[in-house]
Amino acid sequence: MTRRYDVLGIGNAIVDVIARTDEDFLLTHNLRKGGMTLIDEARAEALYQAMGPATIISGGSASNTVAGLASLGASAAFIGKVKGDELGGLFSHDIRALGINFETMPAADGPATARCFILVTPDGERTMNTYLGASQDLAPADIDEDTVSAAAIVYLEGYLWDPPPAKEAFVKAGRIAHAAGRKVALTLSDSFCVDRYREEFRGLMRTGTVDILFANESELASLYQTADFDTALAYLREENLLGVVTRSEKGVVVVTREETLAVPAVPIETLVDTTGAGDQFAAGFLFGLARNFDLRTCAHHGALAASEVIQHVGARPEQELKQRALDNGLPV
């Protein structure tokens, strides 16, 4: 199979509803600051009515990552489920407008297109409340073998591990990718997601289903059930994969059995909204891997992409990441 895509993202197709708020709002509505909580449709409607003026834009972790890849000039594709409703149409339009291949058939009936209600406090921290809706109905039948086989790297979103049909789709995609000689990457997505599926995620790593693992500090701590970063890193080093651990302003640590690299974060002027920081870091890093850059250059690309997105509201780049990379002396 000829390579047509640098990266294929598979994840929840979500529309973000973003509003600024304060700590009191989080307390009043019993929201867990800084995390992601799954909610039902009734809770989604109640939150929407209670929150302030909102910005509505396409989101979803893996789809944000492929949006970043497109901004870097990579060829990208996405598989995710929307309903054939107004928000589903908005999501589909937005991702295709970026030049990303998106051919997943929308659902004709069932739950509405997924929404994530993101509350941003004055410190830039985001608190996410996600109604998965149609996205959780992604099924093995939605995994197109030709698309998977044509991508150098298949990037899987840990959030997708919640619904059983999506889990089956996830495993099918990994199997097809490896049969075609491709790499499979997994992002752990959220420490509470890891709490739910710790042993299953470890199983994916240890059976060779996953070649590349993205995590932040709290997700890594949850994966290995230790608060000590060096201990968690030592466990990760023993896994037979490429580990990429983001540490916010402390930068990133890249781990293989042979080496450990620490790369600093890119300085910023003002932290506005941390939504999408991990998604865009993954975009930059995967771009580097797809281009066969060394791991340090991959990490610099990731750090630069993350620094762009946290300086404005929303999880996708507003500046062209390719030009930003060139301006900072990085190869594209």
C-alpha atoms as a PDB file:
ATOM      1  CA  MET A   1       0.000   0.000   0.000  1.00  0.00           C
ATOM      2  CA  THR A   2       1.407   3.382  -1.033  1.00  0.00           C
ATOM      3  CA  ARG A   3       1.780   5.880   1.796  1.00  0.00           C
ATOM      4  CA  ARG A   4      -0.745   8.699   1.327  1.00  0.00           C
ATOM      5  CA  TYR A   5      -0.858  10.117   4.842  1.00  0.00           C
ATOM      6  CA  ASP A   6       1.768  11.043   7.387  1.00  0.00           C
ATOM      7  CA  VAL A   7      -0.706  10.479  10.233  1.00  0.00           C
ATOM      8  CA  LEU A   8      -4.219   9.077  10.602  1.00  0.00           C
ATOM      9  CA  GLY A   9      -5.981  10.186  13.783  1.00  0.00           C
ATOM     10  CA  ILE A  10      -8.770   8.048  15.229  1.00  0.00           C
ATOM     11  CA  GLY A  11     -10.793   9.584  18.026  1.00  0.00           C
ATOM     12  CA  ASN A  12     -13.926  11.270  19.288  1.00  0.00           C
ATOM     13  CA  ALA A  13     -15.422  13.777  16.826  1.00  0.00           C
ATOM     14  CA  ILE A  14     -16.425  16.575  19.181  1.00  0.00           C
ATOM     15  CA  VAL A  15     -17.520  20.185  18.948  1.00  0.00           C
ATOM     16  CA  ASP A  16     -16.080  22.376  21.727  1.00  0.00           C
ATOM     17  CA  VAL A  17     -18.202  24.936  23.567  1.00  0.00           C
ATOM     18  CA  ILE A  18     -15.712  27.184  25.370  1.00  0.00           C
ATOM     19  CA  ALA A  19     -16.467  29.849  27.965  1.00  0.00           C
ATOM     20  CA  ARG A  20     -14.500  31.799  30.544  1.00  0.00           C
ATOM     21  CA  THR A  21     -15.555  31.320  34.136  1.00  0.00           C
ATOM     22  CA  ASP A  22     -14.343  31.609  37.732  1.00  0.00           C
ATOM     23  CA  GLU A  23     -13.564  29.193  40.568  1.00  0.00           C
ATOM     24  CA  ASP A  24     -16.968  29.801  42.168  1.00  0.00           C
ATOM     25  CA  PHE A  25     -18.776  28.513  39.066  1.00  0.00           C
ATOM     26  CA  LEU A  26     -16.773  25.278  39.213  1.00  0.00           C
ATOM     27  CA  LEU A  27     -17.615  24.836  42.901  1.00  0.00           C
ATOM     28  CA  THR A  28     -21.305  25.686  42.426  1.00  0.00           C
ATOM     29  CA  HIS A  29     -21.668  23.118  39.657  1.00  0.00           C
ATOM     30  CA  ASN A  30     -19.426  20.505  41.300  1.00  0.00           C
ATOM     31  CA  LEU A  31     -16.921  20.489  38.426  1.00  0.00           C
ATOM     32  CA  ARG A  32     -13.535  18.797  38.808  1.00  0.00           C
ATOM     33  CA  LYS A  33     -11.011  21.466  37.888  1.00  0.00           C
ATOM     34  CA  GLY A  34      -8.437  20.567  35.244  1.00  0.00           C
ATOM     35  CA  GLY A  35      -9.916  17.195  34.334  1.00  0.00           C
ATOM     36  CA  MET A  36     -12.367  15.684  31.879  1.00  0.00           C
ATOM     37  CA  THR A  37     -15.713  14.380  33.112  1.00  0.00           C
ATOM     38  CA  LEU A  38     -18.175  12.415  30.995  1.00  0.00           C
ATOM     39  CA  ILE A  39     -21.724  13.779  31.217  1.00  0.00           C
ATOM     40  CA  ASP A  40     -25.145  12.838  29.837  1.00  0.00           C
ATOM     41  CA  GLU A  41     -27.295  14.952  27.516  1.00  0.00           C
ATOM     42  CA  ALA A  42     -29.409  16.423  30.328  1.00  0.00           C
ATOM     43  CA  ARG A  43     -26.283  17.570  32.188  1.00  0.00           C
ATOM     44  CA  ALA A  44     -24.907  18.943  28.921  1.00  0.00           C
ATOM     45  CA  GLU A  45     -28.000  21.090  28.395  1.00  0.00           C
ATOM     46  CA  ALA A  46     -27.974  22.321  32.004  1.00  0.00           C
ATOM     47  CA  LEU A  47     -24.309  23.336  31.798  1.00  0.00           C
ATOM     48  CA  TYR A  48     -24.842  25.126  28.498  1.00  0.00           C
ATOM     49  CA  GLN A  49     -27.698  27.146  29.996  1.00  0.00           C
ATOM     50  CA  ALA A  50     -25.631  28.053  33.077  1.00  0.00           C
ATOM     51  CA  MET A  51     -22.324  28.989  31.433  1.00  0.00           C
ATOM     52  CA  GLY A  52     -21.515  32.429  30.073  1.00  0.00           C
ATOM     53  CA  PRO A  53     -21.089  33.516  26.440  1.00  0.00           C
ATOM     54  CA  ALA A  54     -19.431  30.707  24.533  1.00  0.00           C
ATOM     55  CA  THR A  55     -17.227  30.133  21.506  1.00  0.00           C
ATOM     56  CA  ILE A  56     -18.262  27.094  19.469  1.00  0.00           C
ATOM     57  CA  ILE A  57     -15.479  25.439  17.456  1.00  0.00           C
ATOM     58  CA  SER A  58     -14.578  21.948  16.296  1.00  0.00           C
ATOM     59  CA  GLY A  59     -12.524  19.961  18.781  1.00  0.00           C
ATOM     60  CA  GLY A  60     -11.778  16.425  19.908  1.00  0.00           C
ATOM     61  CA  SER A  61      -8.292  15.388  20.973  1.00  0.00           C
ATOM     62  CA  ALA A  62      -7.103  13.385  17.943  1.00  0.00           C
ATOM     63  CA  SER A  63      -8.865  15.687  15.489  1.00  0.00           C
ATOM     64  CA  ASN A  64      -7.111  18.676  17.095  1.00  0.00           C
ATOM     65  CA  THR A  65      -3.840  16.830  16.580  1.00  0.00           C
ATOM     66  CA  VAL A  66      -4.458  16.198  12.875  1.00  0.00           C
ATOM     67  CA  ALA A  67      -5.472  19.872  12.532  1.00  0.00           C
ATOM     68  CA  GLY A  68      -2.044  20.769  13.930  1.00  0.00           C
ATOM     69  CA  LEU A  69      -0.394  18.346  11.528  1.00  0.00           C
ATOM     70  CA  ALA A  70      -2.173  19.988   8.593  1.00  0.00           C
ATOM     71  CA  SER A  71      -0.942  23.379   9.828  1.00  0.00           C
ATOM     72  CA  LEU A  72       2.606  22.010   9.666  1.00  0.00           C
ATOM     73  CA  GLY A  73       2.094  20.922   6.061  1.00  0.00           C
ATOM     74  CA  ALA A  74       1.639  17.206   6.767  1.00  0.00           C
ATOM     75  CA  SER A  75      -0.847  14.995   4.942  1.00  0.00           C
ATOM     76  CA  ALA A  76      -3.426  13.791   7.460  1.00  0.00           C
ATOM     77  CA  ALA A  77      -6.657  11.823   7.746  1.00  0.00           C
ATOM     78  CA  PHE A  78      -9.212  11.376  10.528  1.00  0.00           C
ATOM     79  CA  ILE A  79     -11.746   8.712  11.479  1.00  0.00           C
ATOM     80  CA  GLY A  80     -14.467   9.672  13.972  1.00  0.00           C
ATOM     81  CA  LYS A  81     -18.271   9.574  14.233  1.00  0.00           C
ATOM     82  CA  VAL A  82     -20.685  12.502  14.059  1.00  0.00           C
ATOM     83  CA  LYS A  83     -24.446  12.557  13.598  1.00  0.00           C
ATOM     84  CA  GLY A  84     -25.927  14.117  10.457  1.00  0.00           C
ATOM     85  CA  ASP A  85     -27.063  17.170  12.453  1.00  0.00           C
ATOM     86  CA  GLU A  86     -26.040  20.838  12.492  1.00  0.00           C
ATOM     87  CA  LEU A  87     -22.993  20.363  14.731  1.00  0.00           C
ATOM     88  CA  GLY A  88     -21.994  17.249  12.789  1.00  0.00           C
ATOM     89  CA  GLY A  89     -22.041  19.313   9.621  1.00  0.00           C
ATOM     90  CA  LEU A  90     -19.929  22.003  11.297  1.00  0.00           C
ATOM     91  CA  PHE A  91     -17.336  19.460  12.425  1.00  0.00           C
ATOM     92  CA  SER A  92     -17.163  17.818   8.991  1.00  0.00           C
ATOM     93  CA  HIS A  93     -16.825  21.158   7.203  1.00  0.00           C
ATOM     94  CA  ASP A  94     -14.094  22.397   9.536  1.00  0.00           C
ATOM     95  CA  ILE A  95     -11.873  19.343   9.307  1.00  0.00           C
ATOM     96  CA  ARG A  96     -12.179  19.033   5.523  1.00  0.00           C
ATOM     97  CA  ALA A  97     -11.504  22.746   5.094  1.00  0.00           C
ATOM     98  CA  LEU A  98      -8.068  22.092   6.611  1.00  0.00           C
ATOM     99  CA  GLY A  99      -7.294  19.594   3.853  1.00  0.00           C
ATOM    100  CA  ILE A 100      -7.739  16.571   6.120  1.00  0.00           C
ATOM    101  CA  ASN A 101      -9.300  13.448   4.638  1.00  0.00           C
ATOM    102  CA  PHE A 102     -12.491  12.694   6.601  1.00  0.00           C
ATOM    103  CA  GLU A 103     -14.800  10.100   5.079  1.00  0.00           C
ATOM    104  CA  THR A 104     -16.531   8.501   8.102  1.00  0.00           C
ATOM    105  CA  MET A 105     -20.265   8.262   7.369  1.00  0.00           C
ATOM    106  CA  PRO A 106     -22.404  10.335   9.773  1.00  0.00           C
ATOM    107  CA  ALA A 107     -25.005   8.520  11.856  1.00  0.00           C
ATOM    108  CA  ALA A 108     -28.551   8.938  10.525  1.00  0.00           C
ATOM    109  CA  ASP A 109     -30.182   8.475  13.928  1.00  0.00           C
ATOM    110  CA  GLY A 110     -29.280   7.988  17.587  1.00  0.00           C
ATOM    111  CA  PRO A 111     -27.480  10.477  19.860  1.00  0.00           C
ATOM    112  CA  ALA A 112     -26.522  13.993  18.755  1.00  0.00           C
ATOM    113  CA  THR A 113     -22.992  14.968  17.707  1.00  0.00           C
ATOM    114  CA  ALA A 114     -20.653  15.031  20.710  1.00  0.00           C
ATOM    115  CA  ARG A 115     -20.017  18.263  22.599  1.00  0.00           C
ATOM    116  CA  CYS A 116     -17.342  19.223  25.112  1.00  0.00           C
ATOM    117  CA  PHE A 117     -18.129  22.085  27.467  1.00  0.00           C
ATOM    118  CA  ILE A 118     -14.820  23.709  28.381  1.00  0.00           C
ATOM    119  CA  LEU A 119     -14.665  26.158  31.272  1.00  0.00           C
ATOM    120  CA  VAL A 120     -11.498  28.270  31.338  1.00  0.00           C
ATOM    121  CA  THR A 121     -10.564  29.897  34.663  1.00  0.00           C
ATOM    122  CA  PRO A 122      -8.408  33.056  34.954  1.00  0.00           C
ATOM    123  CA  ASP A 123      -5.260  30.927  35.494  1.00  0.00           C
ATOM    124  CA  GLY A 124      -5.700  29.432  32.001  1.00  0.00           C
ATOM    125  CA  GLU A 125      -6.675  25.983  33.327  1.00  0.00           C
ATOM    126  CA  ARG A 126      -9.425  24.191  31.416  1.00  0.00           C
ATOM    127  CA  THR A 127     -12.122  22.024  32.945  1.00  0.00           C
ATOM    128  CA  MET A 128     -13.823  19.746  30.421  1.00  0.00           C
ATOM    129  CA  ASN A 129     -17.260  18.149  30.564  1.00  0.00           C
ATOM    130  CA  THR A 130     -17.918  15.869  27.629  1.00  0.00           C
ATOM    131  CA  TYR A 131     -21.154  14.533  26.207  1.00  0.00           C
ATOM    132  CA  LEU A 132     -19.883  11.777  23.905  1.00  0.00           C
ATOM    133  CA  GLY A 133     -23.102  11.451  21.914  1.00  0.00           C
ATOM    134  CA  ALA A 134     -22.618  10.012  18.431  1.00  0.00           C
ATOM    135  CA  SER A 135     -18.827   9.772  18.798  1.00  0.00           C
ATOM    136  CA  GLN A 136     -19.096   6.731  21.065  1.00  0.00           C
ATOM    137  CA  ASP A 137     -20.884   4.841  18.298  1.00  0.00           C
ATOM    138  CA  LEU A 138     -17.707   4.571  16.228  1.00  0.00           C
ATOM    139  CA  ALA A 139     -17.590   0.907  15.269  1.00  0.00           C
ATOM    140  CA  PRO A 140     -15.168  -1.500  13.575  1.00  0.00           C
ATOM    141  CA  ALA A 141     -17.125  -1.027  10.327  1.00  0.00           C
ATOM    142  CA  ASP A 142     -16.019   2.639  10.336  1.00  0.00           C
ATOM    143  CA  ILE A 143     -12.337   1.630  10.180  1.00  0.00           C
ATOM    144  CA  ASP A 144     -11.382   1.800   6.514  1.00  0.00           C
ATOM    145  CA  GLU A 145      -8.554  -0.637   5.834  1.00  0.00           C
ATOM    146  CA  ASP A 146      -7.124   1.304   2.897  1.00  0.00           C
ATOM    147  CA  THR A 147      -6.969   4.549   4.892  1.00  0.00           C
ATOM    148  CA  VAL A 148      -5.264   2.865   7.855  1.00  0.00           C
ATOM    149  CA  SER A 149      -2.764   1.046   5.656  1.00  0.00           C
ATOM    150  CA  ALA A 150      -1.897   4.267   3.813  1.00  0.00           C
ATOM    151  CA  ALA A 151      -0.830   6.185   6.969  1.00  0.00           C
ATOM    152  CA  ALA A 152       2.759   6.117   8.237  1.00  0.00           C
ATOM    153  CA  ILE A 153       1.500   6.507  11.826  1.00  0.00           C
ATOM    154  CA  VAL A 154      -1.942   5.709  13.237  1.00  0.00           C
ATOM    155  CA  TYR A 155      -2.656   7.897  16.279  1.00  0.00           C
ATOM    156  CA  LEU A 156      -5.245   6.598  18.743  1.00  0.00           C
ATOM    157  CA  GLU A 157      -6.996   8.643  21.400  1.00  0.00           C
ATOM    158  CA  GLY A 158      -7.229   7.141  24.898  1.00  0.00           C
ATOM    159  CA  TYR A 159     -10.624   8.773  25.441  1.00  0.00           C
ATOM    160  CA  LEU A 160     -11.946   6.403  22.767  1.00  0.00           C
ATOM    161  CA  TRP A 161     -11.336   3.425  25.053  1.00  0.00           C
ATOM    162  CA  ASP A 162     -14.585   4.066  26.971  1.00  0.00           C
ATOM    163  CA  PRO A 163     -17.283   2.693  24.609  1.00  0.00           C
ATOM    164  CA  PRO A 164     -16.896  -1.039  23.735  1.00  0.00           C
ATOM    165  CA  PRO A 165     -17.580  -0.704  19.944  1.00  0.00           C
ATOM    166  CA  ALA A 166     -14.988   2.082  19.701  1.00  0.00           C
ATOM    167  CA  LYS A 167     -12.548  -0.095  21.629  1.00  0.00           C
ATOM    168  CA  GLU A 168     -12.996  -2.836  19.025  1.00  0.00           C
ATOM    169  CA  ALA A 169     -12.462  -0.267  16.259  1.00  0.00           C
ATOM    170  CA  PHE A 170      -9.283   0.862  18.014  1.00  0.00           C
ATOM    171  CA  VAL A 171      -7.850  -2.702  18.124  1.00  0.00           C
ATOM    172  CA  LYS A 172      -8.850  -3.374  14.509  1.00  0.00           C
ATOM    173  CA  ALA A 173      -7.016  -0.227  13.348  1.00  0.00           C
ATOM    174  CA  GLY A 174      -3.878  -1.255  15.233  1.00  0.00           C
ATOM    175  CA  ARG A 175      -3.947  -4.715  13.695  1.00  0.00           C
ATOM    176  CA  ILE A 176      -4.333  -3.338  10.153  1.00  0.00           C
ATOM    177  CA  ALA A 177      -1.576  -0.757  10.704  1.00  0.00           C
ATOM    178  CA  HIS A 178       0.954  -3.326  11.885  1.00  0.00           C
ATOM    179  CA  ALA A 179       0.050  -5.716   9.070  1.00  0.00           C
ATOM    180  CA  ALA A 180       0.923  -2.891   6.667  1.00  0.00           C
ATOM    181  CA  GLY A 181       4.231  -2.212   8.448  1.00  0.00           C
ATOM    182  CA  ARG A 182       3.002   1.056  10.007  1.00  0.00           C
ATOM    183  CA  LYS A 183       3.474   2.483  13.523  1.00  0.00           C
ATOM    184  CA  VAL A 184       0.734   2.874  16.129  1.00  0.00           C
ATOM    185  CA  ALA A 185       0.715   5.717  18.661  1.00  0.00           C
ATOM    186  CA  LEU A 186      -1.559   6.082  21.702  1.00  0.00           C
ATOM    187  CA  THR A 187      -2.230   9.138  23.828  1.00  0.00           C
ATOM    188  CA  LEU A 188      -3.425   8.324  27.351  1.00  0.00           C
ATOM    189  CA  SER A 189      -5.668  11.443  27.233  1.00  0.00           C
ATOM    190  CA  ASP A 190      -6.517  11.908  30.931  1.00  0.00           C
ATOM    191  CA  SER A 191      -5.372  10.493  34.287  1.00  0.00           C
ATOM    192  CA  PHE A 192      -8.932   9.482  35.177  1.00  0.00           C
ATOM    193  CA  CYS A 193      -9.129   7.636  31.853  1.00  0.00           C
ATOM    194  CA  VAL A 194      -5.953   5.787  32.907  1.00  0.00           C
ATOM    195  CA  ASP A 195      -7.489   5.038  36.315  1.00  0.00           C
ATOM    196  CA  ARG A 196     -10.369   3.269  34.558  1.00  0.00           C
ATOM    197  CA  TYR A 197      -8.271   1.287  32.090  1.00  0.00           C
ATOM    198  CA  ARG A 198      -4.788   1.036  33.583  1.00  0.00           C
ATOM    199  CA  GLU A 199      -4.338  -2.692  33.020  1.00  0.00           C
ATOM    200  CA  GLU A 200      -5.804  -2.572  29.531  1.00  0.00           C
ATOM    201  CA  PHE A 201      -3.481   0.266  28.500  1.00  0.00           C
ATOM    202  CA  ARG A 202      -0.524  -1.621  29.937  1.00  0.00           C
ATOM    203  CA  GLY A 203      -1.661  -4.646  27.980  1.00  0.00           C
ATOM    204  CA  LEU A 204      -1.690  -2.640  24.739  1.00  0.00           C
ATOM    205  CA  MET A 205       1.874  -1.538  25.460  1.00  0.00           C
ATOM    206  CA  ARG A 206       3.213  -4.952  26.456  1.00  0.00           C
ATOM    207  CA  THR A 207       1.626  -6.897  23.608  1.00  0.00           C
ATOM    208  CA  GLY A 208       3.176  -4.556  21.048  1.00  0.00           C
ATOM    209  CA  THR A 209      -0.192  -3.111  19.976  1.00  0.00           C
ATOM    210  CA  VAL A 210       1.260   0.346  20.679  1.00  0.00           C
ATOM    211  CA  ASP A 211       4.688   1.514  19.468  1.00  0.00           C
ATOM    212  CA  ILE A 212       4.581   5.132  20.698  1.00  0.00           C
ATOM    213  CA  LEU A 213       3.008   6.383  23.945  1.00  0.00           C
ATOM    214  CA  PHE A 214       2.108  10.006  24.746  1.00  0.00           C
ATOM    215  CA  ALA A 215       1.360  10.939  28.364  1.00  0.00           C
ATOM    216  CA  ASN A 216       1.617  13.887  30.714  1.00  0.00           C
ATOM    217  CA  GLU A 217       3.029  13.652  34.235  1.00  0.00           C
ATOM    218  CA  SER A 218      -0.274  12.905  35.963  1.00  0.00           C
ATOM    219  CA  GLU A 219      -1.227  10.249  33.395  1.00  0.00           C
ATOM    220  CA  LEU A 220       2.163   8.574  33.775  1.00  0.00           C
ATOM    221  CA  ALA A 221       1.787   8.639  37.568  1.00  0.00           C
ATOM    222  CA  SER A 222      -1.621   7.001  37.248  1.00  0.00           C
ATOM    223  CA  LEU A 223      -0.328   4.394  34.778  1.00  0.00           C
ATOM    224  CA  TYR A 224       2.351   3.170  37.190  1.00  0.00           C
ATOM    225  CA  GLN A 225       0.615   4.170  40.430  1.00  0.00           C
ATOM    226  CA  THR A 226       3.463   6.229  41.805  1.00  0.00           C
ATOM    227  CA  ALA A 227       3.731   9.935  42.633  1.00  0.00           C
ATOM    228  CA  ASP A 228       7.494   9.873  42.036  1.00  0.00           C
ATOM    229  CA  PHE A 229       8.278  11.011  38.498  1.00  0.00           C
ATOM    230  CA  ASP A 230      11.673   9.300  38.286  1.00  0.00           C
ATOM    231  CA  THR A 231      10.178   5.988  39.412  1.00  0.00           C
ATOM    232  CA  ALA A 232       7.409   6.224  36.811  1.00  0.00           C
ATOM    233  CA  LEU A 233       9.979   7.105  34.164  1.00  0.00           C
ATOM    234  CA  ALA A 234      12.049   4.065  35.107  1.00  0.00           C
ATOM    235  CA  TYR A 235       9.012   1.823  34.571  1.00  0.00           C
ATOM    236  CA  LEU A 236       8.338   3.460  31.218  1.00  0.00           C
ATOM    237  CA  ARG A 237      11.957   2.987  30.181  1.00  0.00           C
ATOM    238  CA  GLU A 238      11.517  -0.772  30.584  1.00  0.00           C
ATOM    239  CA  GLU A 239       8.639  -0.885  28.102  1.00  0.00           C
ATOM    240  CA  ASN A 240       9.556  -1.793  24.559  1.00  0.00           C
ATOM    241  CA  LEU A 241       8.302   1.442  23.001  1.00  0.00           C
ATOM    242  CA  LEU A 242       8.942   5.149  22.491  1.00  0.00           C
ATOM    243  CA  GLY A 243       7.601   7.114  25.470  1.00  0.00           C
ATOM    244  CA  VAL A 244       6.891  10.851  25.274  1.00  0.00           C
ATOM    245  CA  VAL A 245       6.028  12.569  28.577  1.00  0.00           C
ATOM    246  CA  THR A 246       4.987  16.221  28.629  1.00  0.00           C
ATOM    247  CA  ARG A 247       5.581  18.267  31.795  1.00  0.00           C
ATOM    248  CA  SER A 248       3.920  21.649  31.065  1.00  0.00           C
ATOM    249  CA  GLU A 249       6.400  24.484  31.680  1.00  0.00           C
ATOM    250  CA  LYS A 250       9.103  21.919  32.555  1.00  0.00           C
ATOM    251  CA  GLY A 251       9.188  20.697  28.955  1.00  0.00           C
ATOM    252  CA  VAL A 252       9.166  17.091  27.796  1.00  0.00           C
ATOM    253  CA  VAL A 253      11.056  13.877  28.463  1.00  0.00           C
ATOM    254  CA  VAL A 254      11.469  11.378  25.615  1.00  0.00           C
ATOM    255  CA  VAL A 255      12.299   7.830  26.682  1.00  0.00           C
ATOM    256  CA  THR A 256      13.459   4.660  24.940  1.00  0.00           C
ATOM    257  CA  ARG A 257      15.387   1.740  26.412  1.00  0.00           C
ATOM    258  CA  GLU A 258      18.551   3.233  24.927  1.00  0.00           C
ATOM    259  CA  GLU A 259      18.218   6.929  25.770  1.00  0.00           C
ATOM    260  CA  THR A 260      16.394   9.585  27.750  1.00  0.00           C
ATOM    261  CA  LEU A 261      16.123  13.118  26.363  1.00  0.00           C
ATOM    262  CA  ALA A 262      14.880  16.202  28.194  1.00  0.00           C
ATOM    263  CA  VAL A 263      13.778  19.117  25.987  1.00  0.00           C
ATOM    264  CA  PRO A 264      12.655  22.455  27.481  1.00  0.00           C
ATOM    265  CA  ALA A 265       9.316  24.145  26.893  1.00  0.00           C
ATOM    266  CA  VAL A 266       9.190  27.138  24.552  1.00  0.00           C
ATOM    267  CA  PRO A 267       8.851  30.421  26.508  1.00  0.00           C
ATOM    268  CA  ILE A 268       5.552  32.248  26.015  1.00  0.00           C
ATOM    269  CA  GLU A 269       4.298  35.768  26.655  1.00  0.00           C
ATOM    270  CA  THR A 270       0.897  35.036  28.203  1.00  0.00           C
ATOM    271  CA  LEU A 271      -0.825  31.803  29.186  1.00  0.00           C
ATOM    272  CA  VAL A 272      -4.442  32.152  28.038  1.00  0.00           C
ATOM    273  CA  ASP A 273      -5.920  28.646  27.756  1.00  0.00           C
ATOM    274  CA  THR A 274      -4.199  25.258  28.160  1.00  0.00           C
ATOM    275  CA  THR A 275      -6.879  23.489  26.068  1.00  0.00           C
ATOM    276  CA  GLY A 276      -5.182  21.540  23.308  1.00  0.00           C
ATOM    277  CA  ALA A 277      -1.610  21.839  24.604  1.00  0.00           C
ATOM    278  CA  GLY A 278      -1.088  18.080  24.632  1.00  0.00           C
ATOM    279  CA  ASP A 279      -2.915  17.662  21.326  1.00  0.00           C
ATOM    280  CA  GLN A 280      -0.671  20.176  19.576  1.00  0.00           C
ATOM    281  CA  PHE A 281       2.473  18.828  21.211  1.00  0.00           C
ATOM    282  CA  ALA A 282       1.565  15.441  19.740  1.00  0.00           C
ATOM    283  CA  ALA A 283       1.009  17.083  16.334  1.00  0.00           C
ATOM    284  CA  GLY A 284       4.501  18.553  16.296  1.00  0.00           C
ATOM    285  CA  PHE A 285       6.154  15.386  17.575  1.00  0.00           C
ATOM    286  CA  LEU A 286       4.308  13.097  15.145  1.00  0.00           C
ATOM    287  CA  PHE A 287       5.157  15.455  12.296  1.00  0.00           C
ATOM    288  CA  GLY A 288       8.824  15.037  13.146  1.00  0.00           C
ATOM    289  CA  LEU A 289       8.529  11.248  13.355  1.00  0.00           C
ATOM    290  CA  ALA A 290       6.730  11.055  10.009  1.00  0.00           C
ATOM    291  CA  ARG A 291       9.546  13.129   8.488  1.00  0.00           C
ATOM    292  CA  ASN A 292      12.186  10.874  10.114  1.00  0.00           C
ATOM    293  CA  PHE A 293      13.666  13.725  12.179  1.00  0.00           C
ATOM    294  CA  ASP A 294      15.699  12.819  15.267  1.00  0.00           C
ATOM    295  CA  LEU A 295      13.819  12.612  18.574  1.00  0.00           C
ATOM    296  CA  ARG A 296      15.162  15.911  19.909  1.00  0.00           C
ATOM    297  CA  THR A 297      13.937  17.749  16.800  1.00  0.00           C
ATOM    298  CA  CYS A 298      10.561  15.984  17.125  1.00  0.00           C
ATOM    299  CA  ALA A 299      10.311  17.252  20.710  1.00  0.00           C
ATOM    300  CA  HIS A 300      11.234  20.807  19.690  1.00  0.00           C
ATOM    301  CA  HIS A 301       8.477  20.714  17.058  1.00  0.00           C
ATOM    302  CA  GLY A 302       6.008  19.523  19.699  1.00  0.00           C
ATOM    303  CA  ALA A 303       7.020  22.181  22.220  1.00  0.00           C
ATOM    304  CA  LEU A 304       6.715  24.928  19.612  1.00  0.00           C
ATOM    305  CA  ALA A 305       3.243  23.793  18.509  1.00  0.00           C
ATOM    306  CA  ALA A 306       2.068  23.598  22.143  1.00  0.00           C
ATOM    307  CA  SER A 307       3.393  27.094  22.858  1.00  0.00           C
ATOM    308  CA  GLU A 308       1.244  28.528  20.054  1.00  0.00           C
ATOM    309  CA  VAL A 309      -2.053  27.028  21.165  1.00  0.00           C
ATOM    310  CA  ILE A 310      -1.849  27.975  24.870  1.00  0.00           C
ATOM    311  CA  GLN A 311      -1.589  31.677  24.023  1.00  0.00           C
ATOM    312  CA  HIS A 312      -5.162  31.900  22.697  1.00  0.00           C
ATOM    313  CA  VAL A 313      -8.594  30.401  23.370  1.00  0.00           C
ATOM    314  CA  GLY A 314      -9.254  27.120  21.566  1.00  0.00           C
ATOM    315  CA  ALA A 315      -7.426  23.883  20.906  1.00  0.00           C
ATOM    316  CA  ARG A 316      -6.331  24.387  17.294  1.00  0.00           C
ATOM    317  CA  PRO A 317      -3.577  26.622  15.882  1.00  0.00           C
ATOM    318  CA  GLU A 318      -4.422  30.172  14.859  1.00  0.00           C
ATOM    319  CA  GLN A 319      -0.971  30.817  13.361  1.00  0.00           C
ATOM    320  CA  GLU A 320       0.414  28.586  10.633  1.00  0.00           C
ATOM    321  CA  LEU A 321       2.669  26.119  12.461  1.00  0.00           C
ATOM    322  CA  LYS A 322       4.803  25.490   9.364  1.00  0.00           C
ATOM    323  CA  GLN A 323       5.833  29.151   9.185  1.00  0.00           C
ATOM    324  CA  ARG A 324       6.332  29.247  12.952  1.00  0.00           C
ATOM    325  CA  ALA A 325       8.674  26.246  12.689  1.00  0.00           C
ATOM    326  CA  LEU A 326      10.654  27.863   9.858  1.00  0.00           C
ATOM    327  CA  ASP A 327      10.932  31.105  11.840  1.00  0.00           C
ATOM    328  CA  ASN A 328      12.426  29.098  14.708  1.00  0.00           C
ATOM    329  CA  GLY A 329      14.952  27.259  12.573  1.00  0.00           C
ATOM    330  CA  LEU A 330      13.195  23.874  12.584  1.00  0.00           C
ATOM    331  CA  PRO A 331      13.143  21.660   9.469  1.00  0.00           C
ATOM    332  CA  VAL A 332       9.827  21.105   7.725  1.00  0.00           C
END
